[in-house]
Amino acid sequence: MRVTLFIAVAAVLVFATPAYMRDSSRSTQDEQTKKPRAKPASEAPPRVIAMTAKDFEFDPAEIHLKVGEKVRLQVISSDRTHGIHISAFPDGAKANTPPGLAFIFGEDCWKLKKGEAVPVDIEATEPGTYSFRCCKSCGTGPKQMTGRIYVEP
């Protein structure tokens, strides 16, 4: 009786040992012959467009995108602090028109300090013409500091 009990306890200890306590150098033939799983293809990085804010203008002042395209505007001010506001709604949109540009970070006015690059990530979701402008007040020049994003189907 004692021998049977001893064998039963030993069997429970051997077969019920948690996986993290087992010797990892031993593995089944299936585990040894398994091919590693291929990782799904990652999304392509967005197209980067360098943009400069200076002397009351943006360069480039016109940007052309396709619906579904993702871009990163790398905006830098070369002379003083400026700002950039990009409308998410197409020019002339009615009250119930959905936005046609999606932003990763939904800023209303990105602050552009002199010499510092500011990333603005945009996804074009609807065709249309979208305006951007300087949103920092520093005299009369910012009123003419504008540009457009053209989203084509």
N, C-alpha and C. Protein backbone atom coordinates (compact mmCIF):
# COMPACT_ATOMS: atom_id res chain seq x y z
N MET A 1 0.81 -1.18 0.00
CA MET A 1 0.00 0.00 0.00
C MET A 1 0.86 1.25 0.00
N ARG A 2 1.90 1.25 0.82
CA ARG A 2 2.79 2.40 0.88
C ARG A 2 3.52 2.60 -0.45
N VAL A 3 3.94 1.54 -1.07
CA VAL A 3 4.65 1.64 -2.33
C VAL A 3 3.72 2.22 -3.40
N THR A 4 2.49 1.79 -3.43
CA THR A 4 1.53 2.29 -4.41
C THR A 4 1.28 3.78 -4.18
N LEU A 5 1.15 4.17 -2.92
CA LEU A 5 0.94 5.58 -2.59
C LEU A 5 2.16 6.40 -2.99
N PHE A 6 3.35 5.86 -2.73
CA PHE A 6 4.59 6.55 -3.10
C PHE A 6 4.68 6.74 -4.61
N ILE A 7 4.35 5.72 -5.38
CA ILE A 7 4.39 5.80 -6.85
C ILE A 7 3.36 6.81 -7.35
N ALA A 8 2.17 6.81 -6.74
CA ALA A 8 1.13 7.75 -7.15
C ALA A 8 1.56 9.20 -6.90
N VAL A 9 2.14 9.46 -5.74
CA VAL A 9 2.60 10.81 -5.41
C VAL A 9 3.73 11.22 -6.36
N ALA A 10 4.67 10.32 -6.63
CA ALA A 10 5.78 10.60 -7.54
C ALA A 10 5.25 10.90 -8.94
N ALA A 11 4.26 10.14 -9.39
CA ALA A 11 3.70 10.35 -10.72
C ALA A 11 3.02 11.72 -10.81
N VAL A 12 2.30 12.11 -9.75
CA VAL A 12 1.64 13.41 -9.74
C VAL A 12 2.69 14.52 -9.79
N LEU A 13 3.75 14.39 -9.02
CA LEU A 13 4.80 15.40 -9.01
C LEU A 13 5.50 15.51 -10.36
N VAL A 14 5.74 14.41 -11.03
CA VAL A 14 6.43 14.43 -12.31
C VAL A 14 5.54 14.99 -13.42
N PHE A 15 4.30 14.52 -13.48
CA PHE A 15 3.44 14.90 -14.59
C PHE A 15 2.67 16.21 -14.35
N ALA A 16 2.58 16.65 -13.13
CA ALA A 16 1.83 17.87 -12.83
C ALA A 16 2.76 19.06 -12.58
N THR A 17 4.01 18.93 -12.89
CA THR A 17 4.96 20.03 -12.72
C THR A 17 4.61 21.15 -13.68
N PRO A 18 4.51 22.38 -13.20
CA PRO A 18 4.21 23.51 -14.10
C PRO A 18 5.25 23.63 -15.20
N ALA A 19 4.85 24.16 -16.34
CA ALA A 19 5.72 24.26 -17.51
C ALA A 19 6.96 25.10 -17.23
N TYR A 20 6.85 26.14 -16.41
CA TYR A 20 8.00 26.98 -16.17
C TYR A 20 9.06 26.30 -15.33
N MET A 21 8.69 25.16 -14.68
CA MET A 21 9.68 24.45 -13.87
C MET A 21 10.31 23.29 -14.64
N ARG A 22 9.78 22.96 -15.81
CA ARG A 22 10.32 21.86 -16.60
C ARG A 22 11.59 22.30 -17.30
N ASP A 23 12.39 21.34 -17.69
CA ASP A 23 13.63 21.60 -18.41
C ASP A 23 13.29 22.04 -19.83
N SER A 24 13.66 23.26 -20.20
CA SER A 24 13.31 23.77 -21.53
C SER A 24 14.20 23.20 -22.62
N SER A 25 15.26 22.51 -22.25
CA SER A 25 16.12 21.95 -23.28
C SER A 25 15.46 20.74 -23.95
N ARG A 26 14.46 20.17 -23.28
CA ARG A 26 13.73 19.05 -23.87
C ARG A 26 12.48 19.60 -24.54
N SER A 27 12.31 19.27 -25.80
CA SER A 27 11.10 19.69 -26.51
C SER A 27 10.69 18.58 -27.45
N THR A 28 9.44 18.64 -27.83
CA THR A 28 8.94 17.60 -28.73
C THR A 28 9.47 17.84 -30.13
N GLN A 29 9.38 16.80 -30.96
CA GLN A 29 9.84 16.91 -32.33
C GLN A 29 9.03 17.97 -33.08
N ASP A 30 7.73 18.08 -32.77
CA ASP A 30 6.90 19.10 -33.43
C ASP A 30 7.43 20.50 -33.14
N GLU A 31 7.80 20.75 -31.90
CA GLU A 31 8.31 22.07 -31.54
C GLU A 31 9.63 22.37 -32.25
N GLN A 32 10.44 21.34 -32.44
CA GLN A 32 11.73 21.54 -33.08
C GLN A 32 11.60 21.79 -34.57
N THR A 33 10.58 21.23 -35.20
CA THR A 33 10.45 21.37 -36.65
C THR A 33 9.49 22.47 -37.07
N LYS A 34 8.85 23.15 -36.12
CA LYS A 34 7.94 24.23 -36.46
C LYS A 34 8.69 25.37 -37.11
N LYS A 35 8.09 25.91 -38.16
CA LYS A 35 8.67 27.09 -38.80
C LYS A 35 8.20 28.32 -38.04
N PRO A 36 9.05 29.31 -37.90
CA PRO A 36 8.60 30.52 -37.22
C PRO A 36 7.49 31.19 -38.03
N ARG A 37 6.53 31.74 -37.32
CA ARG A 37 5.43 32.42 -37.99
C ARG A 37 5.89 33.73 -38.58
N ALA A 38 5.41 34.01 -39.76
CA ALA A 38 5.75 35.27 -40.41
C ALA A 38 4.93 36.38 -39.77
N LYS A 39 5.58 37.49 -39.49
CA LYS A 39 4.89 38.64 -38.92
C LYS A 39 4.12 39.34 -40.03
N PRO A 40 2.94 39.86 -39.69
CA PRO A 40 2.20 40.57 -40.73
C PRO A 40 2.96 41.80 -41.18
N ALA A 41 2.81 42.12 -42.45
CA ALA A 41 3.52 43.28 -43.00
C ALA A 41 3.05 44.54 -42.28
N SER A 42 4.00 45.34 -41.85
CA SER A 42 3.63 46.56 -41.16
C SER A 42 3.25 47.63 -42.17
N GLU A 43 2.51 48.59 -41.70
CA GLU A 43 2.04 49.67 -42.55
C GLU A 43 3.23 50.52 -42.99
N ALA A 44 3.18 50.94 -44.24
CA ALA A 44 4.26 51.77 -44.76
C ALA A 44 4.28 53.11 -44.02
N PRO A 45 5.45 53.67 -43.80
CA PRO A 45 5.51 54.96 -43.13
C PRO A 45 4.90 56.05 -44.00
N PRO A 46 4.40 57.11 -43.37
CA PRO A 46 3.78 58.17 -44.16
C PRO A 46 4.82 58.93 -44.99
N ARG A 47 4.35 59.54 -46.06
CA ARG A 47 5.23 60.40 -46.87
C ARG A 47 5.53 61.63 -46.03
N VAL A 48 6.77 62.06 -46.02
CA VAL A 48 7.18 63.23 -45.24
C VAL A 48 7.33 64.42 -46.19
N ILE A 49 6.68 65.52 -45.82
CA ILE A 49 6.76 66.76 -46.59
C ILE A 49 7.35 67.82 -45.68
N ALA A 50 8.51 68.34 -46.08
CA ALA A 50 9.15 69.42 -45.30
C ALA A 50 8.45 70.73 -45.64
N MET A 51 8.09 71.46 -44.60
CA MET A 51 7.40 72.75 -44.79
C MET A 51 8.09 73.79 -43.91
N THR A 52 8.26 74.98 -44.47
CA THR A 52 8.89 76.08 -43.73
C THR A 52 7.90 77.21 -43.57
N ALA A 53 7.87 77.78 -42.36
CA ALA A 53 7.09 78.98 -42.09
C ALA A 53 8.09 80.11 -41.92
N LYS A 54 7.94 81.17 -42.75
CA LYS A 54 8.90 82.28 -42.69
C LYS A 54 8.31 83.52 -43.35
N ASP A 55 8.71 84.66 -42.88
CA ASP A 55 8.35 85.94 -43.51
C ASP A 55 6.91 85.96 -44.01
N PHE A 56 6.00 85.52 -43.19
CA PHE A 56 4.57 85.55 -43.49
C PHE A 56 4.17 84.71 -44.70
N GLU A 57 4.83 83.55 -44.85
CA GLU A 57 4.41 82.60 -45.90
C GLU A 57 4.80 81.19 -45.49
N PHE A 58 4.10 80.22 -46.07
CA PHE A 58 4.44 78.82 -45.91
C PHE A 58 5.05 78.35 -47.23
N ASP A 59 6.06 77.50 -47.12
CA ASP A 59 6.69 76.95 -48.31
C ASP A 59 6.80 75.43 -48.12
N PRO A 60 6.08 74.63 -48.86
CA PRO A 60 5.19 74.95 -49.96
C PRO A 60 3.84 75.46 -49.43
N ALA A 61 3.19 76.28 -50.24
CA ALA A 61 1.87 76.81 -49.89
C ALA A 61 0.77 75.93 -50.46
N GLU A 62 1.12 75.01 -51.34
CA GLU A 62 0.15 74.06 -51.91
C GLU A 62 0.68 72.65 -51.75
N ILE A 63 -0.20 71.76 -51.27
CA ILE A 63 0.16 70.36 -51.08
C ILE A 63 -0.92 69.52 -51.75
N HIS A 64 -0.51 68.52 -52.52
CA HIS A 64 -1.44 67.64 -53.23
C HIS A 64 -1.37 66.24 -52.62
N LEU A 65 -2.54 65.71 -52.27
CA LEU A 65 -2.65 64.37 -51.68
C LEU A 65 -3.71 63.57 -52.42
N LYS A 66 -3.69 62.27 -52.20
CA LYS A 66 -4.73 61.37 -52.71
C LYS A 66 -5.54 60.89 -51.51
N VAL A 67 -6.82 60.57 -51.74
CA VAL A 67 -7.66 60.03 -50.68
C VAL A 67 -7.01 58.74 -50.16
N GLY A 68 -6.93 58.59 -48.85
CA GLY A 68 -6.31 57.43 -48.22
C GLY A 68 -4.84 57.61 -47.93
N GLU A 69 -4.24 58.65 -48.45
CA GLU A 69 -2.81 58.88 -48.23
C GLU A 69 -2.55 59.47 -46.85
N LYS A 70 -1.48 59.00 -46.25
CA LYS A 70 -1.05 59.53 -44.96
C LYS A 70 0.26 60.29 -45.18
N VAL A 71 0.32 61.48 -44.60
CA VAL A 71 1.54 62.29 -44.72
C VAL A 71 1.92 62.85 -43.36
N ARG A 72 3.17 63.18 -43.26
CA ARG A 72 3.68 63.89 -42.08
C ARG A 72 4.29 65.19 -42.59
N LEU A 73 3.68 66.29 -42.18
CA LEU A 73 4.28 67.59 -42.46
C LEU A 73 5.32 67.84 -41.38
N GLN A 74 6.56 68.08 -41.79
CA GLN A 74 7.62 68.46 -40.85
C GLN A 74 7.72 69.97 -40.99
N VAL A 75 7.05 70.70 -40.10
CA VAL A 75 6.96 72.14 -40.21
C VAL A 75 7.98 72.79 -39.29
N ILE A 76 8.74 73.72 -39.85
CA ILE A 76 9.76 74.42 -39.08
C ILE A 76 9.67 75.91 -39.39
N SER A 77 9.80 76.71 -38.36
CA SER A 77 9.83 78.16 -38.53
C SER A 77 11.28 78.59 -38.61
N SER A 78 11.59 79.39 -39.62
CA SER A 78 12.99 79.80 -39.80
C SER A 78 13.30 81.19 -39.25
N ASP A 79 12.27 81.96 -38.87
CA ASP A 79 12.58 83.33 -38.44
C ASP A 79 12.04 83.71 -37.07
N ARG A 80 10.86 83.29 -36.71
CA ARG A 80 10.26 83.65 -35.42
C ARG A 80 9.20 82.61 -35.09
N THR A 81 8.52 82.77 -33.98
CA THR A 81 7.44 81.85 -33.63
C THR A 81 6.23 82.13 -34.50
N HIS A 82 5.74 81.06 -35.13
CA HIS A 82 4.53 81.11 -35.93
C HIS A 82 3.60 80.02 -35.41
N GLY A 83 2.48 79.84 -36.07
CA GLY A 83 1.56 78.75 -35.75
C GLY A 83 0.96 78.26 -37.04
N ILE A 84 0.40 77.06 -37.02
CA ILE A 84 -0.31 76.56 -38.21
C ILE A 84 -1.61 75.91 -37.77
N HIS A 85 -2.68 76.34 -38.41
CA HIS A 85 -4.01 75.74 -38.22
C HIS A 85 -4.42 75.17 -39.58
N ILE A 86 -4.78 73.89 -39.60
CA ILE A 86 -5.23 73.22 -40.82
C ILE A 86 -6.69 72.83 -40.61
N SER A 87 -7.56 73.30 -41.49
CA SER A 87 -8.97 72.98 -41.38
C SER A 87 -9.20 71.51 -41.75
N ALA A 88 -9.93 70.80 -40.91
CA ALA A 88 -10.27 69.41 -41.18
C ALA A 88 -11.44 69.30 -42.16
N PHE A 89 -12.11 70.43 -42.39
CA PHE A 89 -13.29 70.46 -43.25
C PHE A 89 -12.94 71.14 -44.58
N PRO A 90 -13.50 70.64 -45.67
CA PRO A 90 -13.20 71.26 -46.98
C PRO A 90 -13.75 72.69 -47.05
N ASP A 91 -13.09 73.51 -47.84
CA ASP A 91 -13.54 74.89 -48.04
C ASP A 91 -14.98 74.88 -48.56
N GLY A 92 -15.83 75.74 -48.00
CA GLY A 92 -17.21 75.83 -48.43
C GLY A 92 -18.10 74.72 -47.94
N ALA A 93 -17.67 73.97 -46.91
CA ALA A 93 -18.44 72.83 -46.42
C ALA A 93 -19.73 73.28 -45.74
N LYS A 94 -20.78 72.50 -45.91
CA LYS A 94 -22.06 72.73 -45.25
C LYS A 94 -21.94 72.29 -43.78
N ALA A 95 -22.94 72.62 -42.98
CA ALA A 95 -22.91 72.33 -41.55
C ALA A 95 -22.80 70.84 -41.24
N ASN A 96 -23.38 69.97 -42.05
CA ASN A 96 -23.36 68.53 -41.76
C ASN A 96 -22.27 67.77 -42.52
N THR A 97 -21.35 68.48 -43.12
CA THR A 97 -20.27 67.83 -43.87
C THR A 97 -19.27 67.19 -42.90
N PRO A 98 -18.92 65.91 -43.11
CA PRO A 98 -17.93 65.28 -42.23
C PRO A 98 -16.53 65.82 -42.55
N PRO A 99 -15.62 65.73 -41.59
CA PRO A 99 -14.25 66.18 -41.87
C PRO A 99 -13.61 65.29 -42.94
N GLY A 100 -12.71 65.88 -43.71
CA GLY A 100 -12.05 65.13 -44.78
C GLY A 100 -10.58 64.90 -44.50
N LEU A 101 -10.07 65.53 -43.45
CA LEU A 101 -8.70 65.29 -43.00
C LEU A 101 -8.76 64.79 -41.57
N ALA A 102 -7.98 63.76 -41.29
CA ALA A 102 -7.89 63.23 -39.93
C ALA A 102 -6.48 63.49 -39.42
N PHE A 103 -6.38 63.93 -38.17
CA PHE A 103 -5.09 64.23 -37.56
C PHE A 103 -4.82 63.25 -36.43
N ILE A 104 -3.57 62.79 -36.33
CA ILE A 104 -3.20 61.88 -35.26
C ILE A 104 -3.36 62.61 -33.92
N PHE A 105 -2.86 63.82 -33.85
CA PHE A 105 -3.03 64.65 -32.66
C PHE A 105 -3.89 65.83 -33.09
N GLY A 106 -5.09 65.90 -32.57
CA GLY A 106 -6.06 66.89 -33.00
C GLY A 106 -5.81 68.29 -32.48
N GLU A 107 -4.69 68.86 -32.80
CA GLU A 107 -4.39 70.23 -32.39
C GLU A 107 -5.26 71.21 -33.17
N ASP A 108 -5.56 72.33 -32.56
CA ASP A 108 -6.25 73.39 -33.28
C ASP A 108 -5.22 74.34 -33.87
N CYS A 109 -4.15 74.56 -33.14
CA CYS A 109 -3.08 75.46 -33.60
C CYS A 109 -1.75 74.89 -33.12
N TRP A 110 -0.94 74.38 -34.06
CA TRP A 110 0.37 73.88 -33.70
C TRP A 110 1.32 75.07 -33.58
N LYS A 111 2.02 75.16 -32.46
CA LYS A 111 2.95 76.26 -32.24
C LYS A 111 4.28 75.90 -32.88
N LEU A 112 4.80 76.83 -33.68
CA LEU A 112 6.05 76.61 -34.42
C LEU A 112 7.12 77.55 -33.88
N LYS A 113 7.97 77.04 -33.01
CA LYS A 113 9.06 77.86 -32.48
C LYS A 113 10.20 77.89 -33.48
N LYS A 114 10.91 78.99 -33.49
CA LYS A 114 12.02 79.16 -34.42
C LYS A 114 13.02 78.00 -34.29
N GLY A 115 13.31 77.35 -35.42
CA GLY A 115 14.31 76.30 -35.45
C GLY A 115 13.87 74.93 -34.97
N GLU A 116 12.65 74.77 -34.49
CA GLU A 116 12.17 73.48 -33.99
C GLU A 116 11.20 72.87 -34.98
N ALA A 117 11.47 71.64 -35.40
CA ALA A 117 10.57 70.93 -36.33
C ALA A 117 9.38 70.38 -35.56
N VAL A 118 8.19 70.59 -36.10
CA VAL A 118 6.96 70.10 -35.49
C VAL A 118 6.30 69.13 -36.47
N PRO A 119 6.10 67.86 -36.07
CA PRO A 119 5.44 66.91 -36.97
C PRO A 119 3.92 67.08 -36.90
N VAL A 120 3.30 67.12 -38.06
CA VAL A 120 1.83 67.18 -38.16
C VAL A 120 1.42 66.00 -39.03
N ASP A 121 0.82 64.98 -38.42
CA ASP A 121 0.42 63.78 -39.14
C ASP A 121 -1.02 63.92 -39.62
N ILE A 122 -1.22 63.70 -40.91
CA ILE A 122 -2.52 63.88 -41.55
C ILE A 122 -2.87 62.65 -42.38
N GLU A 123 -4.15 62.27 -42.35
CA GLU A 123 -4.66 61.26 -43.28
C GLU A 123 -5.79 61.90 -44.07
N ALA A 124 -5.70 61.86 -45.39
CA ALA A 124 -6.74 62.41 -46.26
C ALA A 124 -7.83 61.37 -46.43
N THR A 125 -9.05 61.71 -45.99
CA THR A 125 -10.14 60.74 -46.05
C THR A 125 -11.23 61.11 -47.06
N GLU A 126 -11.32 62.38 -47.44
CA GLU A 126 -12.34 62.84 -48.39
C GLU A 126 -11.71 63.82 -49.37
N PRO A 127 -12.10 63.75 -50.66
CA PRO A 127 -11.57 64.73 -51.62
C PRO A 127 -12.07 66.14 -51.30
N GLY A 128 -11.27 67.12 -51.67
CA GLY A 128 -11.66 68.51 -51.45
C GLY A 128 -10.44 69.41 -51.33
N THR A 129 -10.70 70.69 -51.09
CA THR A 129 -9.65 71.68 -50.88
C THR A 129 -9.72 72.12 -49.43
N TYR A 130 -8.60 72.05 -48.74
CA TYR A 130 -8.53 72.36 -47.32
C TYR A 130 -7.54 73.49 -47.11
N SER A 131 -7.93 74.47 -46.33
CA SER A 131 -7.07 75.64 -46.11
C SER A 131 -6.25 75.48 -44.84
N PHE A 132 -5.06 76.06 -44.87
CA PHE A 132 -4.28 76.21 -43.64
C PHE A 132 -3.80 77.65 -43.56
N ARG A 133 -3.53 78.08 -42.33
CA ARG A 133 -3.15 79.47 -42.11
C ARG A 133 -2.31 79.56 -40.84
N CYS A 134 -1.66 80.71 -40.69
CA CYS A 134 -0.94 80.98 -39.45
C CYS A 134 -1.98 81.30 -38.38
N CYS A 135 -1.79 80.78 -37.21
CA CYS A 135 -2.76 81.00 -36.13
C CYS A 135 -2.12 81.75 -34.96
N LYS A 136 -0.98 82.38 -35.21
CA LYS A 136 -0.33 83.20 -34.17
C LYS A 136 -0.38 84.65 -34.62
N SER A 137 -0.86 85.47 -33.74
CA SER A 137 -1.01 86.88 -34.05
C SER A 137 0.30 87.63 -33.79
N CYS A 138 0.88 88.18 -34.84
CA CYS A 138 2.13 88.94 -34.66
C CYS A 138 2.22 90.08 -35.68
N GLY A 139 1.13 90.80 -35.84
CA GLY A 139 1.12 91.90 -36.80
C GLY A 139 0.13 91.63 -37.91
N THR A 140 0.31 92.28 -39.04
CA THR A 140 -0.63 92.14 -40.16
C THR A 140 -0.24 91.02 -41.12
N GLY A 141 0.99 90.59 -41.10
CA GLY A 141 1.47 89.58 -42.04
C GLY A 141 0.79 88.22 -41.93
N PRO A 142 0.48 87.70 -40.72
CA PRO A 142 -0.11 86.38 -40.64
C PRO A 142 -1.43 86.22 -41.39
N LYS A 143 -2.15 87.33 -41.65
CA LYS A 143 -3.42 87.23 -42.37
C LYS A 143 -3.20 86.71 -43.79
N GLN A 144 -2.06 87.03 -44.39
CA GLN A 144 -1.78 86.52 -45.74
C GLN A 144 -0.94 85.25 -45.72
N MET A 145 -0.63 84.75 -44.54
CA MET A 145 0.18 83.54 -44.38
C MET A 145 -0.76 82.34 -44.44
N THR A 146 -1.09 81.91 -45.67
CA THR A 146 -2.07 80.84 -45.88
C THR A 146 -1.55 79.82 -46.88
N GLY A 147 -2.29 78.75 -47.01
CA GLY A 147 -1.97 77.72 -47.99
C GLY A 147 -3.15 76.79 -48.18
N ARG A 148 -2.99 75.82 -49.06
CA ARG A 148 -4.08 74.89 -49.37
C ARG A 148 -3.54 73.46 -49.50
N ILE A 149 -4.40 72.53 -49.09
CA ILE A 149 -4.15 71.12 -49.31
C ILE A 149 -5.24 70.64 -50.26
N TYR A 150 -4.82 70.09 -51.39
CA TYR A 150 -5.75 69.57 -52.40
C TYR A 150 -5.78 68.05 -52.29
N VAL A 151 -6.94 67.50 -51.95
CA VAL A 151 -7.08 66.05 -51.84
C VAL A 151 -7.88 65.57 -53.05
N GLU A 152 -7.25 64.71 -53.83
CA GLU A 152 -7.86 64.19 -55.05
C GLU A 152 -8.28 62.74 -54.84
N PRO A 153 -9.35 62.33 -55.54
CA PRO A 153 -9.83 60.93 -55.37
C PRO A 153 -8.80 59.88 -55.77
